[in-house]
Protein backbone atom coordinates (compact mmCIF):
# COMPACT_ATOMS: atom_id res chain seq x y z
CA MET A 1 150.12 79.45 17.92
CA PRO A 2 150.60 81.36 21.08
CA PRO A 3 150.74 79.74 24.56
CA TYR A 4 147.82 81.56 25.73
CA SER A 5 145.57 80.44 22.79
CA VAL A 6 146.55 76.57 23.86
CA LEU A 7 145.49 77.49 27.43
CA MET A 8 142.12 78.79 26.34
CA LEU A 9 141.43 75.70 24.08
CA MET A 10 142.25 73.58 26.96
CA GLU A 11 139.76 75.33 29.32
CA LEU A 12 136.94 75.53 27.05
CA PRO A 13 135.84 71.96 27.55
CA LEU A 14 135.80 72.80 31.38
CA GLN A 15 133.82 75.74 30.95
CA ILE A 16 131.34 74.04 28.87
CA GLY A 17 131.10 71.10 31.40
CA THR A 18 130.83 73.68 34.13
CA ILE A 19 127.83 75.51 32.56
CA ILE A 20 126.03 72.24 31.65
CA LEU A 21 126.58 70.83 35.12
CA ALA A 22 125.10 74.32 36.63
CA THR A 23 122.23 74.02 34.24
CA VAL A 24 121.23 70.71 35.27
CA LEU A 25 121.45 71.41 39.05
CA ALA A 26 119.26 74.62 38.52
CA ILE A 27 116.78 72.41 36.61
CA ILE A 28 116.88 69.94 39.51
CA LEU A 29 116.58 72.84 42.12
CA LEU A 30 113.45 74.01 40.11
CA ILE A 31 111.71 70.56 40.07
CA ILE A 32 112.43 70.34 43.75
CA ILE A 33 110.95 74.21 44.81
CA ILE A 34 107.95 73.35 42.43
CA ALA A 35 107.31 69.99 44.12
CA ILE A 36 107.66 71.67 47.56
CA LEU A 37 105.35 74.42 46.49
CA ALA A 38 102.66 71.83 45.03
CA TYR A 39 102.65 69.83 48.37
CA SER A 40 102.75 73.09 50.65
CA ILE A 41 100.00 74.91 48.86
CA ARG A 42 96.62 73.11 49.35
CA ILE A 43 93.27 74.48 48.14
CA VAL A 44 90.81 73.33 50.25
CA PRO A 45 87.00 73.05 48.86
CA GLU A 46 83.95 74.36 50.99
CA TYR A 47 82.79 70.73 51.99
CA GLN A 48 86.46 69.82 53.22
CA ARG A 49 88.56 70.53 56.38
CA ILE A 50 92.22 69.76 56.97
CA VAL A 51 93.17 68.96 60.49
CA LYS A 52 96.97 69.92 60.73
CA LEU A 53 99.24 68.16 63.10
CA ARG A 54 102.73 70.09 63.57
CA LEU A 55 105.47 67.95 64.79
CA GLY A 56 102.59 65.61 66.00
CA LYS A 57 100.79 68.18 67.82
CA PHE A 58 97.42 69.58 66.92
CA LYS A 59 97.70 72.81 65.20
CA GLY A 60 94.15 73.42 64.09
CA ILE A 61 91.43 73.12 61.55
CA TYR A 62 91.97 74.82 58.28
CA GLY A 63 89.82 75.62 55.22
CA PRO A 64 88.06 76.51 53.24
CA GLY A 65 90.49 78.15 50.77
CA ILE A 66 94.27 78.21 50.40
CA VAL A 67 95.97 76.21 53.11
CA PHE A 68 100.02 76.31 53.39
CA ILE A 69 101.55 73.05 54.84
CA ILE A 70 105.14 73.29 55.89
CA PRO A 71 106.77 69.95 54.41
CA VAL A 72 108.18 67.44 57.05
CA ILE A 73 106.84 69.40 59.63
CA ASP A 74 103.33 69.47 59.18
CA ARG A 75 100.87 66.54 58.73
CA PRO A 76 97.66 67.38 57.02
CA ILE A 77 94.65 65.32 57.57
CA THR A 78 91.71 65.70 54.97
CA ILE A 79 88.18 65.41 56.43
CA ASP A 80 85.00 65.38 54.43
CA LEU A 81 82.03 67.21 55.86
CA ARG A 82 79.43 66.12 53.61
CA VAL A 83 76.76 63.16 54.40
CA LEU A 84 77.99 59.82 54.17
CA SER A 85 76.22 56.73 53.29
CA ILE A 86 77.67 53.38 54.98
CA ASP A 87 76.20 50.26 54.18
CA LEU A 88 75.65 47.81 56.89
CA SER A 89 76.05 44.02 55.78
CA SER A 90 73.17 41.72 56.05
CA GLN A 91 72.67 41.37 59.92
CA ARG A 92 70.98 38.05 61.07
CA ALA A 93 69.22 38.56 64.42
CA LEU A 94 66.38 37.16 66.70
CA THR A 95 63.28 39.18 67.22
CA LYS A 96 61.54 39.52 70.61
CA ASP A 97 59.17 36.42 69.59
CA ASN A 98 62.36 34.38 68.46
CA VAL A 99 61.95 34.83 64.78
CA GLU A 100 65.34 34.86 63.00
CA VAL A 101 65.40 37.84 60.30
CA THR A 102 68.10 38.99 58.05
CA VAL A 103 68.13 42.89 57.77
CA ASP A 104 70.17 45.17 55.32
CA ALA A 105 70.48 48.52 56.55
CA ALA A 106 72.38 52.02 55.79
CA VAL A 107 73.69 54.52 57.92
CA TYR A 108 73.72 58.26 57.10
CA MET A 109 76.22 60.35 58.85
CA ARG A 110 78.52 63.55 58.64
CA VAL A 111 81.32 64.88 60.53
CA ILE A 112 80.33 67.97 62.59
CA ASP A 113 83.81 68.36 64.34
CA ALA A 114 86.93 67.31 62.48
CA SER A 115 89.41 67.62 65.33
CA LYS A 116 87.48 65.07 67.32
CA ALA A 117 87.09 62.70 64.29
CA VAL A 118 90.74 62.61 64.00
CA LEU A 119 91.86 63.07 67.63
CA SER A 120 89.12 60.71 69.26
CA VAL A 121 88.79 57.52 67.16
CA THR A 122 91.23 55.92 64.80
CA ASP A 123 88.79 55.55 61.87
CA TYR A 124 85.48 56.84 62.80
CA ARG A 125 83.97 55.00 59.53
CA SER A 126 84.72 51.58 60.29
CA ALA A 127 83.89 52.25 64.16
CA THR A 128 80.57 53.53 62.99
CA VAL A 129 79.77 50.61 61.16
CA THR A 130 80.80 48.00 63.87
CA LEU A 131 78.68 50.15 66.28
CA GLY A 132 75.76 50.34 63.97
CA ALA A 133 75.66 46.62 63.29
CA ALA A 134 75.57 45.90 67.06
CA VAL A 135 72.91 48.42 67.99
CA LEU A 136 70.73 47.14 64.92
CA ARG A 137 70.92 43.40 66.55
CA ASP A 138 70.08 44.82 69.82
CA VAL A 139 66.80 46.88 68.67
CA ILE A 140 65.78 44.16 66.66
CA GLY A 141 65.86 41.73 69.68
CA MET A 142 63.65 44.23 71.67
CA VAL A 143 60.64 44.32 69.13
CA ASP A 144 58.47 41.54 67.91
CA LEU A 145 58.12 40.56 64.25
CA ASP A 146 55.00 42.43 63.77
CA THR A 147 56.44 45.71 65.13
CA LEU A 148 59.41 45.44 62.89
CA LEU A 149 57.45 44.75 59.86
CA THR A 150 54.53 47.50 60.17
CA GLN A 151 56.59 49.98 62.23
CA ARG A 152 59.80 50.00 60.10
CA GLU A 153 60.31 53.83 60.15
CA GLU A 154 59.80 54.00 64.31
CA VAL A 155 62.42 51.23 64.57
CA ALA A 156 64.80 52.85 62.33
CA LYS A 157 64.55 56.12 64.00
CA LYS A 158 65.42 54.32 67.48
CA ILE A 159 68.36 52.55 66.10
CA ALA A 160 69.51 56.07 64.64
CA SER A 161 69.23 57.80 67.93
CA ILE A 162 71.10 55.10 69.81
CA ILE A 163 74.09 55.28 67.36
CA ASP A 164 74.22 59.02 67.31
CA GLU A 165 74.25 58.92 71.24
CA HIS A 166 77.28 56.59 70.94
CA VAL A 167 79.20 58.17 68.31
CA SER A 168 78.80 62.05 69.38
CA PRO A 169 81.91 62.18 71.24
CA TRP A 170 83.86 61.33 67.96
CA GLY A 171 82.45 64.51 66.35
CA VAL A 172 80.08 62.39 64.15
CA LYS A 173 76.42 63.03 63.66
CA VAL A 174 73.99 60.12 62.41
CA THR A 175 71.39 62.09 60.47
CA ALA A 176 69.18 58.76 59.69
CA VAL A 177 69.18 54.84 59.27
CA ALA A 178 67.58 53.69 56.60
CA ILE A 179 66.13 49.55 57.08
CA LYS A 180 66.30 48.67 53.26
CA ASP A 181 65.11 44.98 53.32
CA ILE A 182 63.87 42.45 55.73
CA LYS A 183 64.19 39.05 54.68
CA LEU A 184 62.06 36.13 56.60
CA PRO A 185 62.27 32.30 56.54
CA ASP A 186 60.94 30.57 53.69
CA THR A 187 58.46 28.74 56.05
CA LEU A 188 57.31 31.83 57.88
CA VAL A 189 56.78 33.27 54.53
CA ARG A 190 54.47 30.47 53.28
CA ALA A 191 52.93 30.68 56.62
CA MET A 192 52.22 34.25 56.36
CA ALA A 193 50.69 33.60 52.92
CA ALA A 194 48.34 31.22 54.17
CA GLN A 195 47.25 33.49 57.05
CA ALA A 196 46.43 36.29 54.55
CA GLU A 197 44.62 33.86 52.18
CA ALA A 198 42.41 32.73 55.06
CA GLU A 199 41.89 36.27 56.23
CA ARG A 200 40.79 37.15 52.72
CA MET A 201 38.27 34.15 52.40
CA ARG A 202 36.84 35.22 55.96
CA ARG A 203 36.18 38.57 54.84
CA ALA A 204 34.40 37.09 51.78
CA LYS A 205 32.29 34.71 53.58
CA VAL A 206 31.29 37.57 55.86
CA ILE A 207 30.53 39.81 53.07
CA LEU A 208 28.31 37.16 51.50
CA ALA A 209 26.61 36.38 54.88
CA GLN A 210 26.04 40.21 55.17
CA ALA A 211 24.51 40.17 51.73
CA ASP A 212 22.23 37.30 52.42
CA TYR A 213 21.20 38.69 55.65
CA GLU A 214 20.05 42.00 53.83
CA ALA A 215 18.39 40.00 50.93
CA SER A 216 16.25 38.26 53.37
CA GLN A 217 15.39 41.39 55.13
CA MET A 218 13.98 42.59 52.05
CA TYR A 219 12.05 39.27 51.14
CA LEU A 220 10.53 39.49 54.61
CA LYS A 221 9.42 42.96 53.95
CA ALA A 222 8.11 42.10 50.61
CA ALA A 223 6.22 38.93 52.13
CA GLU A 224 4.54 41.30 54.66
CA THR A 225 3.45 43.52 51.91
CA TYR A 226 1.98 40.68 49.62
CA ALA A 227 0.44 39.36 52.77
CA LYS A 228 -1.64 42.63 53.31
CA ASN A 229 -2.54 42.96 49.57
CA ALA A 230 -3.51 39.91 47.61
CA ILE A 231 -3.78 42.15 44.55
CA SER A 232 -0.10 42.90 44.68
CA LEU A 233 0.91 39.29 44.82
CA SER A 234 -1.42 38.19 41.99
CA LEU A 235 0.24 41.27 39.66
CA ARG A 236 3.51 39.96 41.00
CA GLN A 237 2.75 36.23 39.85
CA LEU A 238 1.61 37.43 36.45
CA ASP A 239 4.75 39.70 35.72
CA THR A 240 7.07 36.59 36.81
CA LEU A 241 4.96 34.52 33.98
CA LEU A 242 5.37 37.07 31.52
CA GLU A 243 8.97 37.43 32.11
CA VAL A 244 9.46 33.59 32.08
CA ALA A 245 7.57 33.58 28.57
CA LYS A 246 9.52 36.50 27.03
CA GLU A 247 12.73 35.11 28.05
CA HIS A 248 12.26 31.48 26.60
CA ASN A 249 9.59 32.35 24.02
CA LEU A 250 7.10 29.64 25.81
CA ILE A 251 3.48 29.30 26.32
CA LEU A 252 2.72 28.72 29.95
CA VAL A 253 -0.25 26.80 31.35
CA VAL A 254 -1.12 27.79 34.72
CA PRO A 255 -3.61 26.64 37.35
CA SER A 256 -7.44 27.67 36.97
CA SER A 257 -6.93 29.15 40.50
CA LEU A 258 -4.22 31.51 39.68
CA GLU A 259 -5.84 32.62 36.40
CA VAL A 260 -9.17 33.20 37.93
CA THR A 261 -7.94 34.86 40.97
CA SER A 262 -5.20 36.99 38.55
CA LEU A 263 -8.09 37.94 36.31
CA SER A 264 -10.54 38.98 38.90
CA ALA A 265 -7.98 41.08 40.62
CA LEU A 266 -7.15 42.55 37.19
CA ALA A 267 -10.64 43.45 36.84
CA ALA A 268 -11.33 44.56 40.12
CA SER A 269 -8.24 47.00 39.99
CA VAL A 270 -9.46 48.46 36.47
CA PHE A 271 -12.88 48.90 37.88
CA LYS A 272 -11.77 50.81 40.75
CA ARG A 273 -9.46 52.95 38.57
CA SER A 274 -12.56 53.64 36.21
CA GLN A 275 -14.69 54.56 39.17
CA GLU A 276 -11.92 56.97 40.47
CA GLY A 277 -11.85 58.32 36.87
CA SER A 278 -15.31 59.16 36.41
CA GLY A 279 -15.68 60.54 39.90
CA THR A 280 -13.15 62.91 39.36
CA SER A 281 -14.46 64.08 35.97
CA THR A 282 -17.89 64.44 37.54
CA GLN A 283 -16.39 66.87 40.30
């Protein structure tokens, strides 16, 4: 075998190793490039914005669309512009008339300035929750229990306006506050139930008294009519006796005075009607 053939056979493993090493390095480099591109290219939806800090300095607000980020140099902070619902944990407070209540509420808010939400406050959500709880207790302390129960919507609007006034420098807008539940002490609930029951009984008694008064007025008018017309009274008595007899299938024995008076009254009325009828026919 010639000398150059031996040299080629000796260099062949070195060439193969070099090719393999180059291939591995190329694959690693490709992976690094893909990772850098994946980090550098951000697709921002319509409801989000990216606050970019370059070397610690505020660069600007970007989005929606494609945003390019320089690795290591740029720091992107994503801010959601949609309305957020933040629950305030059960807050115990005293009303103006010294009644302890437990209130569950929720704050609806949205970011209107992403730069202020990043640069002005550490965490605008937790800050809004803390502030909302304090304002909720303060406002409850300024109203009495009846106002809190009957004018819940007005109280919620007042709480929302106060919170919004404090968080506006953070680039946050409080759209609404909802009071979900108001829990009262058990003793107060029982007292209110007893008061409501007493009020219902009072109204029922007033209605019954009004009905009795109206009935008495009707009886008075009927008595005046009967006093002016004895025949009407006799007819009413006979109608009553007939109704009693029909209802129980009874034979009634009445005083002779009632019987004579009733019969005479009936005869007089029949004679009067016959006279009126004959006079009408003669004419």
